[in-house]
N, C-alpha and C. Protein backbone atom coordinates (compact mmCIF):
# COMPACT_ATOMS: atom_id res chain seq x y z
N MET A 1 140.03 66.43 95.95
CA MET A 1 140.91 66.00 94.88
C MET A 1 141.00 64.48 94.94
N SER A 2 140.75 63.83 93.83
CA SER A 2 140.74 62.37 93.81
C SER A 2 142.09 61.86 93.33
N PRO A 3 142.45 60.64 93.74
CA PRO A 3 143.72 60.08 93.31
C PRO A 3 143.72 59.82 91.82
N PRO A 4 144.89 59.79 91.21
CA PRO A 4 144.96 59.57 89.77
C PRO A 4 144.42 58.18 89.43
N ASN A 5 143.80 58.08 88.28
CA ASN A 5 143.23 56.83 87.82
C ASN A 5 144.33 55.98 87.19
N VAL A 6 144.72 54.92 87.90
CA VAL A 6 145.76 54.03 87.41
C VAL A 6 145.10 52.76 86.92
N PRO A 7 145.38 52.34 85.70
CA PRO A 7 144.74 51.12 85.20
C PRO A 7 145.12 49.91 86.06
N GLY A 8 144.12 49.16 86.47
CA GLY A 8 144.36 47.95 87.24
C GLY A 8 144.54 48.18 88.73
N ALA A 9 144.49 49.46 89.19
CA ALA A 9 144.71 49.74 90.62
C ALA A 9 143.56 49.20 91.46
N ASP A 10 142.33 49.23 90.92
CA ASP A 10 141.19 48.71 91.67
C ASP A 10 141.30 47.21 91.91
N ASP A 11 141.99 46.52 91.02
CA ASP A 11 142.07 45.07 91.10
C ASP A 11 143.25 44.58 91.94
N GLN A 12 144.12 45.47 92.40
CA GLN A 12 145.34 45.00 93.06
C GLN A 12 145.05 44.25 94.35
N PHE A 13 143.98 44.58 95.05
CA PHE A 13 143.66 43.87 96.29
C PHE A 13 142.77 42.66 96.04
N HIS A 14 142.34 42.48 94.80
CA HIS A 14 141.47 41.35 94.49
C HIS A 14 142.22 40.21 93.81
N ARG A 15 143.49 40.39 93.60
CA ARG A 15 144.27 39.30 93.02
C ARG A 15 144.39 38.17 94.03
N PRO A 16 144.42 36.93 93.55
CA PRO A 16 144.51 35.79 94.48
C PRO A 16 145.74 35.85 95.39
N SER A 17 146.88 36.27 94.87
CA SER A 17 148.08 36.30 95.71
C SER A 17 147.96 37.34 96.82
N MET A 18 147.37 38.49 96.51
CA MET A 18 147.20 39.55 97.51
C MET A 18 146.18 39.11 98.56
N ARG A 19 145.11 38.44 98.15
CA ARG A 19 144.13 37.95 99.12
C ARG A 19 144.77 36.93 100.05
N TRP A 20 145.66 36.10 99.52
CA TRP A 20 146.34 35.10 100.35
C TRP A 20 147.20 35.79 101.41
N TRP A 21 147.97 36.81 101.00
CA TRP A 21 148.83 37.52 101.94
C TRP A 21 148.00 38.25 103.00
N ILE A 22 146.90 38.86 102.60
CA ILE A 22 146.04 39.56 103.56
C ILE A 22 145.44 38.55 104.54
N GLY A 23 145.01 37.40 104.05
CA GLY A 23 144.49 36.35 104.92
C GLY A 23 145.55 35.83 105.88
N PHE A 24 146.77 35.68 105.38
CA PHE A 24 147.88 35.21 106.22
C PHE A 24 148.19 36.21 107.33
N MET A 25 148.22 37.50 106.97
CA MET A 25 148.49 38.54 107.97
C MET A 25 147.35 38.61 108.99
N ASP A 26 146.11 38.39 108.53
CA ASP A 26 144.99 38.38 109.45
C ASP A 26 145.10 37.23 110.45
N GLN A 27 145.53 36.07 109.99
CA GLN A 27 145.72 34.93 110.89
C GLN A 27 146.85 35.19 111.90
N LEU A 28 147.93 35.82 111.44
CA LEU A 28 149.01 36.19 112.35
C LEU A 28 148.53 37.18 113.41
N ASP A 29 147.70 38.12 113.00
CA ASP A 29 147.13 39.09 113.92
C ASP A 29 146.29 38.39 114.98
N ARG A 30 145.44 37.47 114.56
CA ARG A 30 144.61 36.72 115.50
C ARG A 30 145.47 35.86 116.43
N LEU A 31 146.52 35.27 115.88
CA LEU A 31 147.43 34.46 116.69
C LEU A 31 148.12 35.32 117.75
N GLY A 32 148.46 36.55 117.40
CA GLY A 32 149.05 37.48 118.35
C GLY A 32 148.08 37.80 119.48
N TYR A 33 146.81 38.01 119.15
CA TYR A 33 145.81 38.26 120.19
C TYR A 33 145.63 37.04 121.09
N VAL A 34 145.63 35.84 120.50
CA VAL A 34 145.50 34.62 121.30
C VAL A 34 146.69 34.48 122.25
N ALA A 35 147.89 34.72 121.74
CA ALA A 35 149.09 34.62 122.59
C ALA A 35 149.05 35.66 123.71
N ALA A 36 148.64 36.87 123.39
CA ALA A 36 148.53 37.92 124.41
C ALA A 36 147.47 37.54 125.44
N GLY A 37 146.36 36.98 124.99
CA GLY A 37 145.31 36.57 125.92
C GLY A 37 145.78 35.50 126.88
N PHE A 38 146.45 34.47 126.36
CA PHE A 38 146.97 33.42 127.24
C PHE A 38 148.03 33.97 128.19
N SER A 39 148.83 34.90 127.71
CA SER A 39 149.84 35.51 128.58
C SER A 39 149.19 36.29 129.72
N LEU A 40 148.14 37.05 129.41
CA LEU A 40 147.43 37.78 130.46
C LEU A 40 146.82 36.83 131.47
N LEU A 41 146.23 35.75 131.00
CA LEU A 41 145.62 34.79 131.91
C LEU A 41 146.66 34.11 132.79
N ALA A 42 147.79 33.73 132.20
CA ALA A 42 148.86 33.10 132.99
C ALA A 42 149.41 34.07 134.03
N LEU A 43 149.59 35.32 133.64
CA LEU A 43 150.07 36.34 134.57
C LEU A 43 149.08 36.55 135.72
N CYS A 44 147.78 36.54 135.41
CA CYS A 44 146.75 36.66 136.45
C CYS A 44 146.87 35.53 137.47
N LEU A 45 147.01 34.32 136.97
CA LEU A 45 147.11 33.18 137.88
C LEU A 45 148.36 33.26 138.75
N ILE A 46 149.46 33.64 138.16
CA ILE A 46 150.72 33.75 138.92
C ILE A 46 150.60 34.82 140.01
N ILE A 47 150.09 35.99 139.65
CA ILE A 47 149.96 37.07 140.63
C ILE A 47 148.97 36.68 141.73
N PHE A 48 147.87 36.04 141.35
CA PHE A 48 146.86 35.64 142.33
C PHE A 48 147.44 34.66 143.34
N VAL A 49 148.08 33.61 142.85
CA VAL A 49 148.65 32.60 143.74
C VAL A 49 149.75 33.21 144.61
N HIS A 50 150.62 34.01 144.00
CA HIS A 50 151.73 34.63 144.75
C HIS A 50 151.21 35.57 145.83
N ALA A 51 150.19 36.36 145.51
CA ALA A 51 149.65 37.31 146.48
C ALA A 51 149.08 36.59 147.70
N TRP A 52 148.34 35.52 147.46
CA TRP A 52 147.78 34.78 148.59
C TRP A 52 148.88 34.05 149.36
N TYR A 53 149.88 33.54 148.67
CA TYR A 53 150.99 32.87 149.35
C TYR A 53 151.71 33.83 150.28
N ILE A 54 152.02 35.02 149.77
CA ILE A 54 152.72 36.02 150.59
C ILE A 54 151.85 36.42 151.79
N PHE A 55 150.55 36.58 151.56
CA PHE A 55 149.66 36.99 152.64
C PHE A 55 149.57 35.90 153.72
N LEU A 56 149.42 34.66 153.31
CA LEU A 56 149.24 33.58 154.27
C LEU A 56 150.56 33.15 154.93
N ALA A 57 151.69 33.36 154.25
CA ALA A 57 152.98 32.92 154.78
C ALA A 57 153.67 33.99 155.62
N ARG A 58 153.04 35.16 155.76
CA ARG A 58 153.67 36.23 156.53
C ARG A 58 153.81 35.80 157.98
N PRO A 59 154.86 36.23 158.64
CA PRO A 59 155.03 35.91 160.06
C PRO A 59 153.89 36.51 160.89
N ILE A 60 153.50 35.86 161.93
CA ILE A 60 152.38 36.29 162.76
C ILE A 60 152.63 37.65 163.40
N HIS A 61 153.89 37.95 163.73
CA HIS A 61 154.19 39.21 164.41
C HIS A 61 154.04 40.44 163.51
N LEU A 62 153.98 40.24 162.20
CA LEU A 62 153.79 41.38 161.30
C LEU A 62 152.33 41.82 161.33
N ALA A 63 152.11 43.11 161.13
CA ALA A 63 150.76 43.67 161.19
C ALA A 63 149.88 43.12 160.07
N LEU A 64 148.63 42.92 160.39
CA LEU A 64 147.68 42.37 159.42
C LEU A 64 147.25 43.40 158.39
N LEU A 65 147.07 44.63 158.80
CA LEU A 65 146.57 45.66 157.90
C LEU A 65 147.48 45.90 156.70
N PRO A 66 148.79 46.10 156.86
CA PRO A 66 149.64 46.29 155.68
C PRO A 66 149.62 45.07 154.75
N ALA A 67 149.59 43.88 155.33
CA ALA A 67 149.55 42.66 154.51
C ALA A 67 148.23 42.59 153.75
N ALA A 68 147.13 42.97 154.40
CA ALA A 68 145.82 42.95 153.74
C ALA A 68 145.75 43.99 152.62
N LEU A 69 146.34 45.16 152.85
CA LEU A 69 146.37 46.19 151.80
C LEU A 69 147.20 45.74 150.60
N LYS A 70 148.31 45.07 150.87
CA LYS A 70 149.14 44.52 149.77
C LYS A 70 148.36 43.47 149.00
N LEU A 71 147.64 42.61 149.72
CA LEU A 71 146.82 41.59 149.05
C LEU A 71 145.73 42.25 148.21
N LEU A 72 145.08 43.26 148.75
CA LEU A 72 144.04 43.98 148.01
C LEU A 72 144.62 44.62 146.75
N ASN A 73 145.78 45.22 146.88
CA ASN A 73 146.46 45.84 145.74
C ASN A 73 146.72 44.80 144.64
N ASP A 74 147.22 43.63 145.03
CA ASP A 74 147.50 42.58 144.05
C ASP A 74 146.23 42.02 143.43
N LEU A 75 145.18 41.88 144.22
CA LEU A 75 143.92 41.37 143.68
C LEU A 75 143.27 42.36 142.71
N LEU A 76 143.41 43.65 142.99
CA LEU A 76 142.91 44.64 142.04
C LEU A 76 143.72 44.60 140.73
N LEU A 77 145.01 44.33 140.83
CA LEU A 77 145.82 44.16 139.62
C LEU A 77 145.33 42.95 138.83
N VAL A 78 144.99 41.88 139.52
CA VAL A 78 144.45 40.69 138.84
C VAL A 78 143.14 41.03 138.13
N ILE A 79 142.28 41.83 138.77
CA ILE A 79 141.02 42.23 138.13
C ILE A 79 141.29 43.05 136.88
N ILE A 80 142.27 43.94 136.93
CA ILE A 80 142.63 44.74 135.76
C ILE A 80 143.08 43.82 134.62
N LEU A 81 143.95 42.88 134.94
CA LEU A 81 144.45 41.97 133.90
C LEU A 81 143.34 41.08 133.35
N LEU A 82 142.42 40.65 134.21
CA LEU A 82 141.29 39.84 133.73
C LEU A 82 140.38 40.65 132.82
N GLU A 83 140.20 41.92 133.13
CA GLU A 83 139.39 42.78 132.26
C GLU A 83 140.05 42.93 130.89
N LEU A 84 141.36 43.06 130.87
CA LEU A 84 142.08 43.12 129.59
C LEU A 84 141.98 41.79 128.86
N PHE A 85 142.07 40.68 129.59
CA PHE A 85 141.90 39.35 128.99
C PHE A 85 140.51 39.23 128.36
N ARG A 86 139.49 39.66 129.10
CA ARG A 86 138.12 39.60 128.57
C ARG A 86 137.98 40.45 127.31
N THR A 87 138.68 41.59 127.28
CA THR A 87 138.64 42.44 126.09
C THR A 87 139.26 41.73 124.89
N VAL A 88 140.35 41.02 125.10
CA VAL A 88 140.98 40.26 124.02
C VAL A 88 140.04 39.17 123.52
N VAL A 89 139.41 38.45 124.44
CA VAL A 89 138.48 37.38 124.05
C VAL A 89 137.31 37.97 123.27
N ARG A 90 136.76 39.08 123.75
CA ARG A 90 135.63 39.72 123.06
C ARG A 90 136.04 40.18 121.66
N PHE A 91 137.27 40.69 121.53
CA PHE A 91 137.73 41.10 120.21
C PHE A 91 137.85 39.89 119.27
N LEU A 92 138.36 38.78 119.78
CA LEU A 92 138.48 37.59 118.94
C LEU A 92 137.11 37.05 118.53
N GLN A 93 136.10 37.24 119.36
CA GLN A 93 134.76 36.77 119.04
C GLN A 93 134.06 37.69 118.05
N THR A 94 134.20 38.99 118.23
CA THR A 94 133.42 39.94 117.43
C THR A 94 134.22 40.72 116.41
N GLU A 95 135.54 40.73 116.56
CA GLU A 95 136.44 41.54 115.73
C GLU A 95 136.14 43.03 115.84
N VAL A 96 135.58 43.43 116.99
CA VAL A 96 135.31 44.83 117.28
C VAL A 96 136.02 45.16 118.58
N LEU A 97 136.83 46.19 118.56
CA LEU A 97 137.55 46.63 119.76
C LEU A 97 136.72 47.71 120.42
N GLU A 98 136.25 47.44 121.63
CA GLU A 98 135.35 48.35 122.33
C GLU A 98 136.12 49.23 123.30
N LEU A 99 135.56 50.41 123.56
CA LEU A 99 136.20 51.39 124.43
C LEU A 99 135.87 51.15 125.91
N GLU A 100 134.69 50.63 126.20
CA GLU A 100 134.22 50.51 127.58
C GLU A 100 135.17 49.74 128.51
N PRO A 101 135.73 48.60 128.09
CA PRO A 101 136.63 47.90 129.01
C PRO A 101 137.86 48.72 129.40
N TYR A 102 138.35 49.53 128.50
CA TYR A 102 139.52 50.35 128.82
C TYR A 102 139.17 51.44 129.83
N LEU A 103 137.96 51.99 129.73
CA LEU A 103 137.52 52.96 130.74
C LEU A 103 137.39 52.29 132.10
N SER A 104 136.86 51.07 132.11
CA SER A 104 136.73 50.32 133.37
C SER A 104 138.10 50.04 133.97
N VAL A 105 139.05 49.65 133.15
CA VAL A 105 140.41 49.39 133.63
C VAL A 105 141.01 50.66 134.22
N GLY A 106 140.78 51.79 133.59
CA GLY A 106 141.28 53.06 134.12
C GLY A 106 140.67 53.40 135.47
N ILE A 107 139.37 53.13 135.63
CA ILE A 107 138.71 53.39 136.91
C ILE A 107 139.27 52.48 137.99
N ILE A 108 139.43 51.20 137.67
CA ILE A 108 139.97 50.25 138.65
C ILE A 108 141.41 50.63 139.01
N ALA A 109 142.21 51.01 138.02
CA ALA A 109 143.61 51.37 138.28
C ALA A 109 143.70 52.60 139.19
N CYS A 110 142.86 53.60 138.95
CA CYS A 110 142.88 54.80 139.81
C CYS A 110 142.39 54.47 141.21
N THR A 111 141.39 53.62 141.32
CA THR A 111 140.90 53.21 142.63
C THR A 111 141.99 52.44 143.38
N ARG A 112 142.69 51.60 142.65
CA ARG A 112 143.81 50.85 143.24
C ARG A 112 144.87 51.82 143.78
N ARG A 113 145.15 52.84 143.03
CA ARG A 113 146.14 53.83 143.46
C ARG A 113 145.66 54.59 144.70
N LEU A 114 144.37 54.91 144.75
CA LEU A 114 143.83 55.59 145.93
C LEU A 114 143.98 54.74 147.18
N LEU A 115 143.70 53.46 147.06
CA LEU A 115 143.78 52.58 148.21
C LEU A 115 145.21 52.40 148.71
N THR A 116 146.14 52.33 147.78
CA THR A 116 147.52 52.12 148.20
C THR A 116 148.20 53.41 148.63
N ALA A 117 147.73 54.55 148.14
CA ALA A 117 148.37 55.82 148.49
C ALA A 117 148.25 56.11 149.98
N SER A 118 147.10 55.82 150.56
CA SER A 118 146.95 56.10 151.99
C SER A 118 147.83 55.17 152.84
N ALA A 119 147.96 53.93 152.41
CA ALA A 119 148.84 53.01 153.14
C ALA A 119 150.29 53.47 153.04
N GLU A 120 150.69 53.90 151.85
CA GLU A 120 152.06 54.39 151.67
C GLU A 120 152.31 55.62 152.53
N LEU A 121 151.32 56.50 152.60
CA LEU A 121 151.49 57.73 153.37
C LEU A 121 151.71 57.43 154.85
N SER A 122 150.97 56.49 155.40
CA SER A 122 151.11 56.20 156.82
C SER A 122 152.51 55.69 157.15
N TYR A 123 153.10 54.91 156.25
CA TYR A 123 154.46 54.42 156.49
C TYR A 123 155.50 55.49 156.23
N GLN A 124 155.25 56.34 155.24
CA GLN A 124 156.22 57.39 154.93
C GLN A 124 156.24 58.46 156.03
N LEU A 125 155.09 58.75 156.62
CA LEU A 125 155.03 59.76 157.68
C LEU A 125 155.86 59.34 158.89
N GLU A 126 155.90 58.04 159.16
CA GLU A 126 156.70 57.55 160.28
C GLU A 126 158.20 57.63 159.99
N ALA A 127 158.56 57.55 158.72
CA ALA A 127 159.97 57.46 158.35
C ALA A 127 160.64 58.82 158.13
N VAL A 128 159.88 59.88 157.90
CA VAL A 128 160.49 61.17 157.59
C VAL A 128 160.46 62.08 158.81
N ALA A 129 161.27 63.11 158.73
CA ALA A 129 161.34 64.10 159.81
C ALA A 129 160.05 64.92 159.84
N LYS A 130 159.77 65.49 161.01
CA LYS A 130 158.53 66.26 161.17
C LYS A 130 158.45 67.44 160.22
N GLU A 131 159.59 68.01 159.85
CA GLU A 131 159.60 69.18 158.97
C GLU A 131 159.08 68.86 157.57
N SER A 132 159.33 67.66 157.09
CA SER A 132 158.93 67.33 155.72
C SER A 132 157.59 66.60 155.66
N ARG A 133 156.94 66.41 156.79
CA ARG A 133 155.64 65.72 156.78
C ARG A 133 154.57 66.55 156.08
N HIS A 134 154.61 67.86 156.27
CA HIS A 134 153.62 68.72 155.62
C HIS A 134 153.74 68.61 154.10
N GLU A 135 154.96 68.65 153.59
CA GLU A 135 155.18 68.54 152.14
C GLU A 135 154.72 67.17 151.62
N LEU A 136 155.02 66.13 152.38
CA LEU A 136 154.61 64.77 152.00
C LEU A 136 153.08 64.67 151.98
N PHE A 137 152.42 65.28 152.94
CA PHE A 137 150.96 65.25 152.99
C PHE A 137 150.37 66.04 151.82
N GLN A 138 151.00 67.15 151.46
CA GLN A 138 150.53 67.93 150.31
C GLN A 138 150.64 67.11 149.02
N GLN A 139 151.74 66.38 148.87
CA GLN A 139 151.89 65.50 147.71
C GLN A 139 150.80 64.44 147.68
N TYR A 140 150.51 63.89 148.85
CA TYR A 140 149.46 62.88 148.97
C TYR A 140 148.11 63.46 148.53
N LEU A 141 147.79 64.67 149.00
CA LEU A 141 146.52 65.30 148.63
C LEU A 141 146.45 65.56 147.13
N MET A 142 147.54 65.98 146.54
CA MET A 142 147.56 66.20 145.08
C MET A 142 147.37 64.88 144.33
N ASP A 143 148.02 63.84 144.79
CA ASP A 143 147.89 62.52 144.16
C ASP A 143 146.46 62.01 144.25
N VAL A 144 145.88 62.10 145.44
CA VAL A 144 144.50 61.65 145.64
C VAL A 144 143.54 62.50 144.82
N GLY A 145 143.73 63.81 144.86
CA GLY A 145 142.85 64.70 144.09
C GLY A 145 142.91 64.42 142.60
N LEU A 146 144.09 64.20 142.08
CA LEU A 146 144.23 63.90 140.66
C LEU A 146 143.58 62.57 140.31
N ASN A 147 143.77 61.57 141.15
CA ASN A 147 143.15 60.27 140.89
C ASN A 147 141.62 60.35 140.96
N VAL A 148 141.09 61.10 141.91
CA VAL A 148 139.64 61.27 142.00
C VAL A 148 139.12 61.99 140.76
N LEU A 149 139.83 63.00 140.31
CA LEU A 149 139.43 63.73 139.09
C LEU A 149 139.43 62.79 137.88
N VAL A 150 140.45 61.98 137.74
CA VAL A 150 140.51 61.03 136.62
C VAL A 150 139.36 60.03 136.72
N ILE A 151 139.06 59.56 137.92
CA ILE A 151 137.95 58.62 138.08
C ILE A 151 136.63 59.27 137.66
N ILE A 152 136.42 60.51 138.07
CA ILE A 152 135.18 61.22 137.70
C ILE A 152 135.09 61.39 136.19
N ILE A 153 136.19 61.76 135.55
CA ILE A 153 136.20 61.92 134.10
C ILE A 153 135.93 60.59 133.40
N LEU A 154 136.56 59.51 133.88
CA LEU A 154 136.34 58.20 133.27
C LEU A 154 134.91 57.71 133.47
N ILE A 155 134.35 57.96 134.65
CA ILE A 155 132.95 57.58 134.88
C ILE A 155 132.03 58.40 133.98
N GLY A 156 132.33 59.67 133.79
CA GLY A 156 131.55 60.49 132.84
C GLY A 156 131.65 59.94 131.43
N GLY A 157 132.85 59.54 131.02
CA GLY A 157 133.01 58.93 129.70
C GLY A 157 132.25 57.63 129.58
N LEU A 158 132.27 56.83 130.62
CA LEU A 158 131.53 55.57 130.64
C LEU A 158 130.03 55.83 130.55
N TYR A 159 129.56 56.83 131.27
CA TYR A 159 128.14 57.19 131.21
C TYR A 159 127.76 57.64 129.80
N LEU A 160 128.57 58.50 129.21
CA LEU A 160 128.28 58.96 127.84
C LEU A 160 128.30 57.80 126.85
N LEU A 161 129.24 56.91 127.02
CA LEU A 161 129.36 55.76 126.13
C LEU A 161 128.14 54.85 126.24
N ARG A 162 127.67 54.64 127.45
CA ARG A 162 126.51 53.76 127.66
C ARG A 162 125.20 54.42 127.29
N SER A 163 125.13 55.74 127.34
CA SER A 163 123.87 56.43 127.05
C SER A 163 123.70 56.77 125.58
N ARG A 164 124.70 56.55 124.78
CA ARG A 164 124.56 56.83 123.35
C ARG A 164 123.67 55.76 122.71
N PRO A 165 122.98 56.14 121.65
CA PRO A 165 122.16 55.12 120.96
C PRO A 165 123.05 54.07 120.33
N SER A 166 122.63 52.83 120.42
CA SER A 166 123.44 51.76 119.85
C SER A 166 123.33 51.79 118.33
N ILE A 167 124.45 51.54 117.70
CA ILE A 167 124.50 51.53 116.24
C ILE A 167 124.72 50.09 115.81
N GLU A 168 123.81 49.61 115.00
CA GLU A 168 123.93 48.26 114.48
C GLU A 168 125.06 48.21 113.46
N PRO A 169 125.95 47.22 113.56
CA PRO A 169 127.01 47.12 112.56
C PRO A 169 126.43 46.81 111.19
N ARG A 170 126.98 47.48 110.19
CA ARG A 170 126.53 47.25 108.82
C ARG A 170 127.10 45.94 108.31
N ALA A 171 126.29 45.27 107.54
CA ALA A 171 126.76 44.02 106.93
C ALA A 171 127.75 44.35 105.82
N LEU A 172 128.84 43.65 105.82
CA LEU A 172 129.84 43.85 104.77
C LEU A 172 129.36 43.15 103.51
N SER A 173 129.43 43.85 102.41
CA SER A 173 129.00 43.23 101.15
C SER A 173 130.16 42.84 100.31
């Protein structure tokens, strides 16, 4: 069923005033992406500097392994934010929003969770009573299993995305 034929409806988007408003909204949209990109970059720098400061300023008597795991966790967060920043830059260059960077961010985020979950478990096991350690370990196994499953699914999606034939964008006329 086709929409009713309204006289002049085809021309409503071709009027000079409508083209001006659409152009203005497009510029606001691009400005929003630029602001978001700079915000992501600034946040990356802040987290990076803070993570290294905390790691290097820790007292000597504190264990190195927990501090190193915290640093690794923060650096993986920086990588996630940089990947999102790169996605914003790529969108501003091509005006095409791609799926692949989001799959990569999901893989990195799940890997980050896997690395931190084991560190959390070792500290939680020391703090809880022996009776609840089994339950805590079962939760840990479920968390790790779910994250591994999500990583496998995301890698499968990434493989399918990369193995599809590339489609050349059509020229707009």
